[in-house]
Amino acid sequence: MNKSGVKGNTAQALAHDFASETVTEAEVREYILNNKDFFVNNPDVAERVQVPHKQKGTVSLVELQGSQLRKKVRQLSFKLSQLISIAKQNEEIYRVYADLNLRLLRCTEFAEMQYTIEETLQDELDMSAAAIKPFKGLFALPEIQQRLFMEKRFKHSDFFFGRLSQHEKQLLFGDSIAESVALVLLGDRRDLGILAIGSADPIHFTPDMDTLLIKQLQEFLNVSMPSLLHY
């Protein structure tokens, strides 16, 4: 009788102590993550757990996992489509630049070179404006304006991508639209001029842009421009 009573009291005490322990959300999470076979060993738990769902009210854990997996697949498919689209665009841009470089080598006058760049970039790459502003010769950018761009846009690099002031846009493009621009300093000694390309899209040219293709165009102009300007 006494032994039975002791056992009963002990069992009740242990049950009380267990029930009074607070298991935190973090502890449950850590336990499940550290016991990968939990749901394998307890398949009924995965089916019985009900999870709040915005559209369906509640769903089972299995349903939630399936829904999340389908969402990830859709996201990956979308990203893959974007990458394919970007790759096709880059291939087209590369083709245009390659063709432009060959055309520039055939130019016999500076005005022809200017026209070739303007026509190609506007018609084939949908740019709103394009111009070459040499530092010497008949078409030279005034020296005070040269200093303006050298100090403000080319102090640390031969390339500038972004937006210009209204005054700067007027100097390079006149009345043409140029909400964002790519500026390239020309000449092995930075003394040939400026290639300026404008877009009607304010975010088409951004400071983090890659310079690979436009650098190739820069190198072609560095070779072909001096003879046309009679340097």
Protein backbone atom coordinates (compact mmCIF):
# COMPACT_ATOMS: atom_id res chain seq x y z
CA MET A 1 0.00 0.00 0.00
CA ASN A 2 2.72 2.40 1.02
CA LYS A 3 4.95 1.25 -1.84
CA SER A 4 2.14 1.66 -4.31
CA GLY A 5 1.42 5.09 -2.93
CA VAL A 6 5.05 6.09 -3.22
CA LYS A 7 5.20 4.89 -6.78
CA GLY A 8 2.05 6.80 -7.61
CA ASN A 9 3.34 9.98 -6.05
CA THR A 10 6.69 9.64 -7.82
CA ALA A 11 5.04 9.13 -11.21
CA GLN A 12 2.81 12.15 -10.64
CA ALA A 13 5.80 14.25 -9.60
CA LEU A 14 7.76 13.25 -12.69
CA ALA A 15 4.79 13.97 -14.92
CA HIS A 16 4.34 17.35 -13.25
CA ASP A 17 8.03 18.21 -13.68
CA PHE A 18 7.95 17.23 -17.38
CA ALA A 19 4.79 19.22 -18.04
CA SER A 20 6.19 22.28 -16.28
CA GLU A 21 9.30 22.38 -18.52
CA THR A 22 9.02 25.01 -21.25
CA VAL A 23 10.23 23.86 -24.67
CA THR A 24 11.09 26.84 -26.81
CA GLU A 25 10.48 27.19 -30.55
CA ALA A 26 14.24 27.40 -31.09
CA GLU A 27 14.76 24.08 -29.29
CA VAL A 28 12.11 22.36 -31.40
CA ARG A 29 13.65 23.77 -34.56
CA GLU A 30 17.16 22.71 -33.53
CA TYR A 31 15.98 19.21 -32.63
CA ILE A 32 14.26 18.65 -35.98
CA LEU A 33 17.22 20.04 -37.94
CA ASN A 34 19.65 17.86 -36.01
CA ASN A 35 17.52 14.72 -36.38
CA LYS A 36 17.12 14.32 -40.13
CA ASP A 37 15.24 11.02 -39.79
CA PHE A 38 12.55 12.38 -37.48
CA PHE A 39 9.81 12.50 -40.11
CA VAL A 40 11.07 9.27 -41.70
CA ASN A 41 10.71 7.49 -38.39
CA ASN A 42 7.44 9.26 -37.65
CA PRO A 43 5.62 9.53 -41.01
CA ASP A 44 2.26 10.05 -39.34
CA VAL A 45 3.50 13.29 -37.77
CA ALA A 46 4.25 14.85 -41.16
CA GLU A 47 0.72 13.99 -42.32
CA ARG A 48 -1.02 15.15 -39.13
CA VAL A 49 0.78 18.49 -38.65
CA GLN A 50 -1.48 21.32 -39.81
CA VAL A 51 0.14 24.53 -41.03
CA PRO A 52 -1.73 27.87 -41.45
CA HIS A 53 -2.11 28.83 -45.12
CA LYS A 54 -3.27 32.23 -46.42
CA GLN A 55 -5.38 30.85 -49.27
CA LYS A 56 -6.35 27.35 -48.04
CA GLY A 57 -6.77 27.96 -44.32
CA THR A 58 -4.64 25.03 -43.13
CA VAL A 59 -2.63 22.42 -45.00
CA SER A 60 -0.58 19.41 -44.01
CA LEU A 61 3.19 19.63 -43.76
CA VAL A 62 3.45 17.40 -46.83
CA GLU A 63 1.20 19.72 -48.83
CA LEU A 64 3.19 22.75 -47.69
CA GLN A 65 6.48 21.15 -48.75
CA GLY A 66 5.01 20.28 -52.15
CA SER A 67 3.75 23.83 -52.60
CA GLN A 68 7.10 25.32 -51.63
CA LEU A 69 8.92 22.96 -54.00
CA ARG A 70 6.65 23.93 -56.89
CA LYS A 71 7.25 27.62 -56.11
CA LYS A 72 11.03 27.09 -56.14
CA VAL A 73 10.78 25.26 -59.48
CA ARG A 74 8.80 28.17 -60.95
CA GLN A 75 11.36 30.67 -59.64
CA LEU A 76 14.25 28.66 -61.07
CA SER A 77 12.47 28.36 -64.42
CA PHE A 78 11.90 32.13 -64.47
CA LYS A 79 15.56 32.83 -63.65
CA LEU A 80 16.67 30.39 -66.34
CA SER A 81 14.45 32.15 -68.88
CA GLN A 82 15.95 35.49 -67.86
CA LEU A 83 19.51 34.15 -68.25
CA ILE A 84 18.70 32.77 -71.71
CA SER A 85 17.16 36.10 -72.72
CA ILE A 86 20.19 38.05 -71.45
CA ALA A 87 22.55 35.67 -73.25
CA LYS A 88 20.67 36.23 -76.52
CA GLN A 89 20.78 40.00 -76.02
CA ASN A 90 24.51 39.90 -75.28
CA GLU A 91 25.10 37.80 -78.39
CA GLU A 92 23.23 40.35 -80.51
CA ILE A 93 25.13 43.27 -78.96
CA TYR A 94 28.44 41.48 -79.56
CA ARG A 95 27.50 40.92 -83.22
CA VAL A 96 26.62 44.60 -83.67
CA TYR A 97 29.88 45.77 -82.09
CA ALA A 98 31.94 43.31 -84.15
CA ASP A 99 30.33 44.55 -87.37
CA LEU A 100 30.77 48.19 -86.28
CA ASN A 101 34.48 47.70 -85.62
CA LEU A 102 35.02 46.39 -89.15
CA ARG A 103 33.05 49.27 -90.65
CA LEU A 104 35.12 51.79 -88.70
CA LEU A 105 38.33 50.40 -90.14
CA ARG A 106 37.02 51.14 -93.63
CA CYS A 107 36.19 54.79 -92.90
CA THR A 108 38.30 57.32 -94.87
CA GLU A 109 37.02 60.53 -93.27
CA PHE A 110 36.16 61.55 -89.71
CA ALA A 111 32.63 62.59 -90.72
CA GLU A 112 32.09 59.09 -92.13
CA MET A 113 33.26 57.57 -88.86
CA GLN A 114 30.90 59.80 -86.88
CA TYR A 115 27.99 58.86 -89.14
CA THR A 116 28.79 55.13 -88.95
CA ILE A 117 28.80 55.12 -85.15
CA GLU A 118 25.64 57.19 -84.91
CA GLU A 119 23.75 55.09 -87.45
CA THR A 120 24.81 51.73 -85.98
CA LEU A 121 24.16 52.53 -82.32
CA GLN A 122 20.84 54.29 -82.95
CA ASP A 123 19.40 51.91 -85.54
CA GLU A 124 20.68 48.55 -84.26
CA LEU A 125 21.02 49.09 -80.50
CA ASP A 126 18.19 51.59 -80.08
CA MET A 127 20.36 54.32 -78.56
CA SER A 128 18.92 57.83 -78.63
CA ALA A 129 22.20 59.61 -79.41
CA ALA A 130 25.85 58.99 -80.26
CA ALA A 131 28.75 61.34 -80.92
CA ILE A 132 32.53 61.57 -81.06
CA LYS A 133 34.01 64.78 -79.70
CA PRO A 134 37.70 65.01 -80.68
CA PHE A 135 40.14 67.14 -78.70
CA LYS A 136 41.95 68.49 -81.78
CA GLY A 137 41.17 69.40 -85.35
CA LEU A 138 38.22 70.96 -87.12
CA PHE A 139 35.58 69.27 -84.95
CA ALA A 140 37.43 69.74 -81.64
CA LEU A 141 35.65 70.18 -78.33
CA PRO A 142 36.74 73.54 -76.84
CA GLU A 143 39.59 73.20 -74.34
CA ILE A 144 37.61 74.55 -71.40
CA GLN A 145 34.96 71.87 -72.03
CA GLN A 146 37.65 69.21 -72.33
CA ARG A 147 38.93 70.13 -68.87
CA LEU A 148 35.38 70.00 -67.51
CA PHE A 149 34.92 66.37 -68.54
CA MET A 150 38.46 65.31 -67.65
CA GLU A 151 38.15 66.64 -64.10
CA LYS A 152 34.54 65.65 -63.50
CA ARG A 153 34.03 62.37 -65.39
CA PHE A 154 37.46 60.91 -66.22
CA LYS A 155 39.49 61.64 -63.13
CA HIS A 156 39.81 57.98 -62.10
CA SER A 157 38.80 56.01 -65.19
CA ASP A 158 38.56 56.12 -68.98
CA PHE A 159 34.87 55.17 -68.72
CA PHE A 160 31.82 56.85 -67.22
CA PHE A 161 28.34 55.31 -67.00
CA GLY A 162 25.39 57.13 -65.52
CA ARG A 163 23.67 60.49 -65.75
CA LEU A 164 24.96 63.92 -66.74
CA SER A 165 23.94 67.46 -65.94
CA GLN A 166 21.81 69.27 -68.49
CA HIS A 167 24.80 71.44 -69.43
CA GLU A 168 27.01 68.38 -70.07
CA LYS A 169 24.32 66.71 -72.18
CA GLN A 170 23.97 69.85 -74.27
CA LEU A 171 27.73 69.97 -74.90
CA LEU A 172 27.88 66.36 -76.08
CA PHE A 173 24.51 65.65 -77.65
CA GLY A 174 22.92 69.00 -78.42
CA ASP A 175 19.15 68.65 -78.26
CA SER A 176 19.13 64.84 -78.50
CA ILE A 177 17.70 62.85 -75.57
CA ALA A 178 20.29 61.29 -73.24
CA GLU A 179 18.77 60.30 -69.90
CA SER A 180 21.71 58.00 -69.16
CA VAL A 181 25.04 57.88 -70.94
CA ALA A 182 28.23 55.95 -71.60
CA LEU A 183 31.32 58.14 -72.01
CA VAL A 184 34.61 56.71 -73.27
CA LEU A 185 37.88 58.63 -73.18
CA LEU A 186 39.85 58.00 -76.37
CA GLY A 187 43.56 57.88 -77.08
CA ASP A 188 46.41 55.84 -75.65
CA ARG A 189 47.49 59.05 -73.94
CA ARG A 190 43.89 60.13 -73.23
CA ASP A 191 44.29 62.90 -75.80
CA LEU A 192 42.07 61.89 -78.76
CA GLY A 193 38.58 62.80 -77.60
CA ILE A 194 35.36 61.46 -76.13
CA LEU A 195 32.95 58.84 -77.45
CA ALA A 196 29.50 59.66 -76.05
CA ILE A 197 26.50 57.32 -76.24
CA GLY A 198 23.09 58.32 -74.91
CA SER A 199 19.96 56.34 -74.03
CA ALA A 200 16.41 57.52 -73.46
CA ASP A 201 16.21 55.02 -70.57
CA PRO A 202 17.46 56.63 -67.30
CA ILE A 203 18.79 53.29 -66.02
CA HIS A 204 20.20 51.82 -69.25
CA PHE A 205 23.74 52.90 -68.35
CA THR A 206 24.72 52.39 -64.71
CA PRO A 207 28.08 52.70 -62.88
CA ASP A 208 28.41 48.93 -62.39
CA MET A 209 28.31 48.10 -66.11
CA ASP A 210 30.86 45.81 -67.75
CA THR A 211 33.31 47.52 -70.14
CA LEU A 212 34.40 44.54 -72.26
CA LEU A 213 32.59 45.36 -75.52
CA ILE A 214 32.88 49.12 -75.30
CA LYS A 215 36.59 48.78 -74.50
CA GLN A 216 37.05 46.93 -77.79
CA LEU A 217 35.32 49.82 -79.57
CA GLN A 218 37.63 52.22 -77.72
CA GLU A 219 40.69 50.31 -78.96
CA PHE A 220 39.46 50.36 -82.56
CA LEU A 221 38.89 54.12 -82.40
CA ASN A 222 42.30 54.66 -80.82
CA VAL A 223 43.84 53.00 -83.89
CA SER A 224 41.65 54.46 -86.64
CA MET A 225 40.91 58.02 -85.45
CA PRO A 226 44.39 59.65 -85.56
CA SER A 227 44.81 59.27 -89.33
CA LEU A 228 41.34 60.68 -89.97
CA LEU A 229 42.04 63.70 -87.75
CA HIS A 230 45.50 64.13 -89.35
CA TYR A 231 47.38 63.76 -86.07
